[in-house]
PDB file of all heavy atoms in Angstrom:
ATOM      1  N   ALA A   1       0.851  -1.197  -0.017  1.00  0.00           N
ATOM      2  CA  ALA A   1      -0.032   0.043   0.066  1.00  0.00           C
ATOM      3  C   ALA A   1       0.825   1.126   0.046  1.00  0.00           C
ATOM      4  O   ALA A   1       0.539   2.271  -0.662  1.00  0.00           O
ATOM      5  CB  ALA A   1      -0.894  -0.035   1.251  1.00  0.00           C
ATOM      6  N   HIS A   2       1.992   1.167   0.712  1.00  0.00           N
ATOM      7  CA  HIS A   2       2.851   2.313   0.693  1.00  0.00           C
ATOM      8  C   HIS A   2       3.545   2.641  -0.607  1.00  0.00           C
ATOM      9  O   HIS A   2       4.050   3.791  -0.933  1.00  0.00           O
ATOM     10  CB  HIS A   2       3.908   2.234   1.876  1.00  0.00           C
ATOM     11  CG  HIS A   2       3.321   2.430   3.284  1.00  0.00           C
ATOM     12  ND1 HIS A   2       3.950   2.145   4.349  1.00  0.00           N
ATOM     13  CD2 HIS A   2       2.165   3.020   3.557  1.00  0.00           C
ATOM     14  CE1 HIS A   2       3.320   2.459   5.408  1.00  0.00           C
ATOM     15  NE2 HIS A   2       2.199   2.930   4.989  1.00  0.00           N
ATOM     16  N   ARG A   3       3.657   1.471  -1.431  1.00  0.00           N
ATOM     17  CA  ARG A   3       4.117   1.586  -2.810  1.00  0.00           C
ATOM     18  C   ARG A   3       3.057   1.933  -3.686  1.00  0.00           C
ATOM     19  O   ARG A   3       3.252   1.723  -5.016  1.00  0.00           O
ATOM     20  CB  ARG A   3       4.866   0.400  -3.211  1.00  0.00           C
ATOM     21  CG  ARG A   3       6.065  -0.007  -2.426  1.00  0.00           C
ATOM     22  CD  ARG A   3       7.244   0.884  -2.788  1.00  0.00           C
ATOM     23  NE  ARG A   3       8.441   0.537  -1.989  1.00  0.00           N
ATOM     24  CZ  ARG A   3       9.353  -0.337  -2.329  1.00  0.00           C
ATOM     25  NH1 ARG A   3       9.396  -0.891  -3.415  1.00  0.00           N
ATOM     26  NH2 ARG A   3      10.393  -0.468  -1.537  1.00  0.00           N
ATOM     27  N   ASN A   4       1.906   2.473  -3.245  1.00  0.00           N
ATOM     28  CA  ASN A   4       0.836   2.943  -4.137  1.00  0.00           C
ATOM     29  C   ASN A   4       0.201   1.745  -4.920  1.00  0.00           C
ATOM     30  O   ASN A   4      -0.434   2.058  -6.001  1.00  0.00           O
ATOM     31  CB  ASN A   4       1.160   4.110  -5.017  1.00  0.00           C
ATOM     32  CG  ASN A   4       1.491   5.324  -4.131  1.00  0.00           C
ATOM     33  OD1 ASN A   4       0.901   5.548  -3.106  1.00  0.00           O
ATOM     34  ND2 ASN A   4       2.602   5.966  -4.577  1.00  0.00           N
ATOM     35  N   ARG A   5       0.305   0.568  -4.374  1.00  0.00           N
ATOM     36  CA  ARG A   5      -0.470  -0.502  -5.041  1.00  0.00           C
ATOM     37  C   ARG A   5      -1.953  -0.494  -4.607  1.00  0.00           C
ATOM     38  O   ARG A   5      -2.253  -0.355  -3.463  1.00  0.00           O
ATOM     39  CB  ARG A   5       0.078  -1.886  -4.591  1.00  0.00           C
ATOM     40  CG  ARG A   5       1.668  -1.957  -4.849  1.00  0.00           C
ATOM     41  CD  ARG A   5       1.906  -2.212  -6.390  1.00  0.00           C
ATOM     42  NE  ARG A   5       3.297  -1.997  -6.656  1.00  0.00           N
ATOM     43  CZ  ARG A   5       4.265  -2.848  -6.592  1.00  0.00           C
ATOM     44  NH1 ARG A   5       4.009  -4.080  -6.150  1.00  0.00           N
ATOM     45  NH2 ARG A   5       5.572  -2.581  -6.825  1.00  0.00           N
ATOM     46  N   ARG A   6      -2.896  -0.597  -5.517  1.00  0.00           N
ATOM     47  CA  ARG A   6      -4.271  -0.471  -5.191  1.00  0.00           C
ATOM     48  C   ARG A   6      -4.802  -1.966  -5.267  1.00  0.00           C
ATOM     49  O   ARG A   6      -4.869  -2.571  -6.378  1.00  0.00           O
ATOM     50  CB  ARG A   6      -5.014   0.436  -6.191  1.00  0.00           C
ATOM     51  CG  ARG A   6      -4.583   1.789  -6.071  1.00  0.00           C
ATOM     52  CD  ARG A   6      -5.309   2.750  -7.068  1.00  0.00           C
ATOM     53  NE  ARG A   6      -4.482   3.949  -7.264  1.00  0.00           N
ATOM     54  CZ  ARG A   6      -3.654   4.069  -8.286  1.00  0.00           C
ATOM     55  NH1 ARG A   6      -3.323   3.137  -8.995  1.00  0.00           N
ATOM     56  NH2 ARG A   6      -3.038   5.184  -8.423  1.00  0.00           N
ATOM     57  N   PHE A   7      -5.120  -2.424  -4.165  1.00  0.00           N
ATOM     58  CA  PHE A   7      -5.662  -3.920  -4.120  1.00  0.00           C
ATOM     59  C   PHE A   7      -6.556  -3.990  -2.975  1.00  0.00           C
ATOM     60  O   PHE A   7      -6.771  -3.015  -2.157  1.00  0.00           O
ATOM     61  CB  PHE A   7      -4.345  -4.794  -3.857  1.00  0.00           C
ATOM     62  CG  PHE A   7      -3.643  -4.439  -2.536  1.00  0.00           C
ATOM     63  CD1 PHE A   7      -3.985  -5.201  -1.318  1.00  0.00           C
ATOM     64  CD2 PHE A   7      -2.692  -3.542  -2.470  1.00  0.00           C
ATOM     65  CE1 PHE A   7      -3.276  -4.961  -0.124  1.00  0.00           C
ATOM     66  CE2 PHE A   7      -2.022  -3.241  -1.226  1.00  0.00           C
ATOM     67  CZ  PHE A   7      -2.357  -3.968  -0.231  1.00  0.00           C
ATOM     68  N   THR A   8      -7.305  -5.067  -2.951  1.00  0.00           N
ATOM     69  CA  THR A   8      -8.299  -5.343  -1.880  1.00  0.00           C
ATOM     70  C   THR A   8      -8.026  -6.526  -1.220  1.00  0.00           C
ATOM     71  O   THR A   8      -7.467  -7.489  -1.802  1.00  0.00           O
ATOM     72  CB  THR A   8      -9.721  -5.368  -2.458  1.00  0.00           C
ATOM     73  OG1 THR A   8      -9.916  -6.309  -3.436  1.00  0.00           O
ATOM     74  CG2 THR A   8     -10.180  -4.033  -3.033  1.00  0.00           C
ATOM     75  N   VAL A   9      -8.491  -6.719   0.055  1.00  0.00           N
ATOM     76  CA  VAL A   9      -8.188  -7.867   0.908  1.00  0.00           C
ATOM     77  C   VAL A   9      -9.464  -8.348   1.404  1.00  0.00           C
ATOM     78  O   VAL A   9     -10.397  -7.658   1.903  1.00  0.00           O
ATOM     79  CB  VAL A   9      -7.295  -7.515   2.020  1.00  0.00           C
ATOM     80  CG1 VAL A   9      -7.035  -8.719   2.887  1.00  0.00           C
ATOM     81  CG2 VAL A   9      -5.934  -7.014   1.559  1.00  0.00           C
ATOM     82  N   TYR A  10      -9.682  -9.803   1.318  1.00  0.00           N
ATOM     83  CA  TYR A  10     -10.716 -10.449   2.061  1.00  0.00           C
ATOM     84  C   TYR A  10      -9.934 -11.196   3.220  1.00  0.00           C
ATOM     85  O   TYR A  10      -8.949 -11.618   2.996  1.00  0.00           O
ATOM     86  CB  TYR A  10     -11.398 -11.569   1.219  1.00  0.00           C
ATOM     87  CG  TYR A  10     -12.226 -10.991   0.026  1.00  0.00           C
ATOM     88  CD1 TYR A  10     -11.640 -10.733  -1.221  1.00  0.00           C
ATOM     89  CD2 TYR A  10     -13.637 -10.787   0.293  1.00  0.00           C
ATOM     90  CE1 TYR A  10     -12.427 -10.330  -2.225  1.00  0.00           C
ATOM     91  CE2 TYR A  10     -14.272 -10.214  -0.803  1.00  0.00           C
ATOM     92  CZ  TYR A  10     -13.739 -10.054  -2.033  1.00  0.00           C
ATOM     93  OH  TYR A  10     -14.560  -9.554  -3.053  1.00  0.00           O
ATOM     94  N   CYS A  11     -10.487 -10.955   4.382  1.00  0.00           N
ATOM     95  CA  CYS A  11      -9.784 -11.435   5.647  1.00  0.00           C
ATOM     96  C   CYS A  11     -10.749 -12.410   6.302  1.00  0.00           C
ATOM     97  O   CYS A  11     -11.945 -11.990   6.681  1.00  0.00           O
ATOM     98  CB  CYS A  11      -9.355 -10.294   6.482  1.00  0.00           C
ATOM     99  SG  CYS A  11      -8.314 -10.773   7.889  1.00  0.00           S
ATOM    100  N   THR A  12     -10.231 -13.554   6.635  1.00  0.00           N
ATOM    101  CA  THR A  12     -11.162 -14.400   7.346  1.00  0.00           C
ATOM    102  C   THR A  12     -11.200 -14.020   8.845  1.00  0.00           C
ATOM    103  O   THR A  12     -10.254 -13.525   9.410  1.00  0.00           O
ATOM    104  CB  THR A  12     -10.594 -15.951   7.354  1.00  0.00           C
ATOM    105  OG1 THR A  12      -9.319 -15.932   8.003  1.00  0.00           O
ATOM    106  CG2 THR A  12     -10.581 -16.493   6.003  1.00  0.00           C
ATOM    107  N   GLU A  13     -12.372 -14.278   9.417  1.00  0.00           N
ATOM    108  CA  GLU A  13     -12.592 -13.853  10.877  1.00  0.00           C
ATOM    109  C   GLU A  13     -11.756 -14.614  11.726  1.00  0.00           C
ATOM    110  O   GLU A  13     -11.240 -14.166  12.806  1.00  0.00           O
ATOM    111  CB  GLU A  13     -14.015 -14.166  11.142  1.00  0.00           C
ATOM    112  CG  GLU A  13     -14.551 -13.456  12.410  1.00  0.00           C
ATOM    113  CD  GLU A  13     -16.066 -13.617  12.513  1.00  0.00           C
ATOM    114  OE1 GLU A  13     -16.601 -14.642  12.149  1.00  0.00           O
ATOM    115  OE2 GLU A  13     -16.645 -12.668  13.295  1.00  0.00           O
ATOM    116  N   SER A  14     -11.437 -15.893  11.458  1.00  0.00           N
ATOM    117  CA  SER A  14     -10.522 -16.756  12.206  1.00  0.00           C
ATOM    118  C   SER A  14     -11.049 -17.094  13.668  1.00  0.00           C
ATOM    119  O   SER A  14     -10.419 -16.775  14.601  1.00  0.00           O
ATOM    120  CB  SER A  14      -9.111 -16.124  12.332  1.00  0.00           C
ATOM    121  OG  SER A  14      -8.259 -17.106  12.681  1.00  0.00           O
ATOM    122  N   ARG A  15     -12.214 -17.650  13.641  1.00  0.00           N
ATOM    123  CA  ARG A  15     -12.729 -18.127  14.892  1.00  0.00           C
ATOM    124  C   ARG A  15     -12.010 -19.314  15.377  1.00  0.00           C
ATOM    125  O   ARG A  15     -11.470 -20.032  14.583  1.00  0.00           O
ATOM    126  CB  ARG A  15     -14.186 -18.371  14.718  1.00  0.00           C
ATOM    127  CG  ARG A  15     -15.053 -17.094  14.611  1.00  0.00           C
ATOM    128  CD  ARG A  15     -16.443 -17.426  14.717  1.00  0.00           C
ATOM    129  NE  ARG A  15     -17.208 -16.224  14.671  1.00  0.00           N
ATOM    130  CZ  ARG A  15     -17.714 -15.711  15.869  1.00  0.00           C
ATOM    131  NH1 ARG A  15     -17.607 -16.189  16.946  1.00  0.00           N
ATOM    132  NH2 ARG A  15     -18.439 -14.484  15.706  1.00  0.00           N
ATOM    133  N   PRO A  16     -11.868 -19.666  16.694  1.00  0.00           N
ATOM    134  CA  PRO A  16     -12.651 -18.995  17.820  1.00  0.00           C
ATOM    135  C   PRO A  16     -11.787 -17.692  18.307  1.00  0.00           C
ATOM    136  O   PRO A  16     -12.355 -16.998  19.117  1.00  0.00           O
ATOM    137  CB  PRO A  16     -12.708 -20.055  18.761  1.00  0.00           C
ATOM    138  CG  PRO A  16     -11.468 -20.950  18.659  1.00  0.00           C
ATOM    139  CD  PRO A  16     -11.227 -20.929  17.101  1.00  0.00           C
ATOM    140  N   SER A  17     -10.718 -17.574  17.938  1.00  0.00           N
ATOM    141  CA  SER A  17      -9.825 -16.408  18.453  1.00  0.00           C
ATOM    142  C   SER A  17     -10.330 -15.082  17.832  1.00  0.00           C
ATOM    143  O   SER A  17     -10.000 -14.100  18.513  1.00  0.00           O
ATOM    144  CB  SER A  17      -8.390 -16.633  18.139  1.00  0.00           C
ATOM    145  OG  SER A  17      -8.081 -16.411  16.879  1.00  0.00           O
ATOM    146  N   CYS A  18     -10.810 -15.137  16.747  1.00  0.00           N
ATOM    147  CA  CYS A  18     -11.324 -13.915  16.034  1.00  0.00           C
ATOM    148  C   CYS A  18     -10.183 -12.885  15.756  1.00  0.00           C
ATOM    149  O   CYS A  18     -10.321 -11.707  15.591  1.00  0.00           O
ATOM    150  CB  CYS A  18     -12.467 -13.112  16.818  1.00  0.00           C
ATOM    151  SG  CYS A  18     -13.983 -14.080  16.943  1.00  0.00           S
ATOM    152  N   SER A  19      -8.993 -13.545  15.559  1.00  0.00           N
ATOM    153  CA  SER A  19      -7.784 -12.774  15.250  1.00  0.00           C
ATOM    154  C   SER A  19      -7.938 -12.008  13.905  1.00  0.00           C
ATOM    155  O   SER A  19      -7.238 -10.962  13.628  1.00  0.00           O
ATOM    156  CB  SER A  19      -6.523 -13.439  15.350  1.00  0.00           C
ATOM    157  OG  SER A  19      -6.596 -14.591  14.486  1.00  0.00           O
ATOM    158  N   GLY A  20      -8.682 -12.614  13.043  1.00  0.00           N
ATOM    159  CA  GLY A  20      -8.864 -11.903  11.682  1.00  0.00           C
ATOM    160  C   GLY A  20      -9.627 -10.501  11.813  1.00  0.00           C
ATOM    161  O   GLY A  20      -9.354  -9.722  11.025  1.00  0.00           O
ATOM    162  N   ARG A  21     -10.420 -10.371  12.797  1.00  0.00           N
ATOM    163  CA  ARG A  21     -11.080  -9.110  13.052  1.00  0.00           C
ATOM    164  C   ARG A  21      -9.990  -8.056  13.315  1.00  0.00           C
ATOM    165  O   ARG A  21     -10.087  -6.862  12.802  1.00  0.00           O
ATOM    166  CB  ARG A  21     -12.030  -9.173  14.193  1.00  0.00           C
ATOM    167  CG  ARG A  21     -13.259  -9.981  13.942  1.00  0.00           C
ATOM    168  CD  ARG A  21     -14.128  -9.964  15.156  1.00  0.00           C
ATOM    169  NE  ARG A  21     -15.296 -10.844  14.986  1.00  0.00           N
ATOM    170  CZ  ARG A  21     -16.228 -11.058  15.809  1.00  0.00           C
ATOM    171  NH1 ARG A  21     -16.129 -10.466  17.083  1.00  0.00           N
ATOM    172  NH2 ARG A  21     -17.162 -11.815  15.639  1.00  0.00           N
ATOM    173  N   LYS A  22      -9.100  -8.444  14.169  1.00  0.00           N
ATOM    174  CA  LYS A  22      -8.041  -7.457  14.445  1.00  0.00           C
ATOM    175  C   LYS A  22      -7.236  -7.097  13.172  1.00  0.00           C
ATOM    176  O   LYS A  22      -6.773  -5.989  12.835  1.00  0.00           O
ATOM    177  CB  LYS A  22      -6.996  -7.970  15.574  1.00  0.00           C
ATOM    178  CG  LYS A  22      -6.084  -6.953  15.989  1.00  0.00           C
ATOM    179  CD  LYS A  22      -5.271  -7.466  17.242  1.00  0.00           C
ATOM    180  CE  LYS A  22      -4.327  -6.407  17.912  1.00  0.00           C
ATOM    181  NZ  LYS A  22      -3.774  -5.469  17.195  1.00  0.00           N
ATOM    182  N   MET A  23      -6.940  -8.082  12.316  1.00  0.00           N
ATOM    183  CA  MET A  23      -6.244  -8.032  11.115  1.00  0.00           C
ATOM    184  C   MET A  23      -6.952  -7.061  10.167  1.00  0.00           C
ATOM    185  O   MET A  23      -6.429  -6.184   9.566  1.00  0.00           O
ATOM    186  CB  MET A  23      -6.006  -9.369  10.489  1.00  0.00           C
ATOM    187  CG  MET A  23      -5.338  -9.217   9.043  1.00  0.00           C
ATOM    188  SD  MET A  23      -3.597  -9.130   9.306  1.00  0.00           S
ATOM    189  CE  MET A  23      -2.940  -9.604   7.737  1.00  0.00           C
ATOM    190  N   ALA A  24      -8.386  -7.291  10.043  1.00  0.00           N
ATOM    191  CA  ALA A  24      -9.058  -6.438   9.207  1.00  0.00           C
ATOM    192  C   ALA A  24      -9.030  -4.946   9.708  1.00  0.00           C
ATOM    193  O   ALA A  24      -8.917  -3.956   9.002  1.00  0.00           O
ATOM    194  CB  ALA A  24     -10.520  -6.967   9.208  1.00  0.00           C
TER     195      ALA A  24
END
């Protein structure tokens, strides 16, 4: 992103820890 690349991310929620929420 800092190199001005335009992209999108799908991030899994990652249950049961829900660490994907923090990543998102």
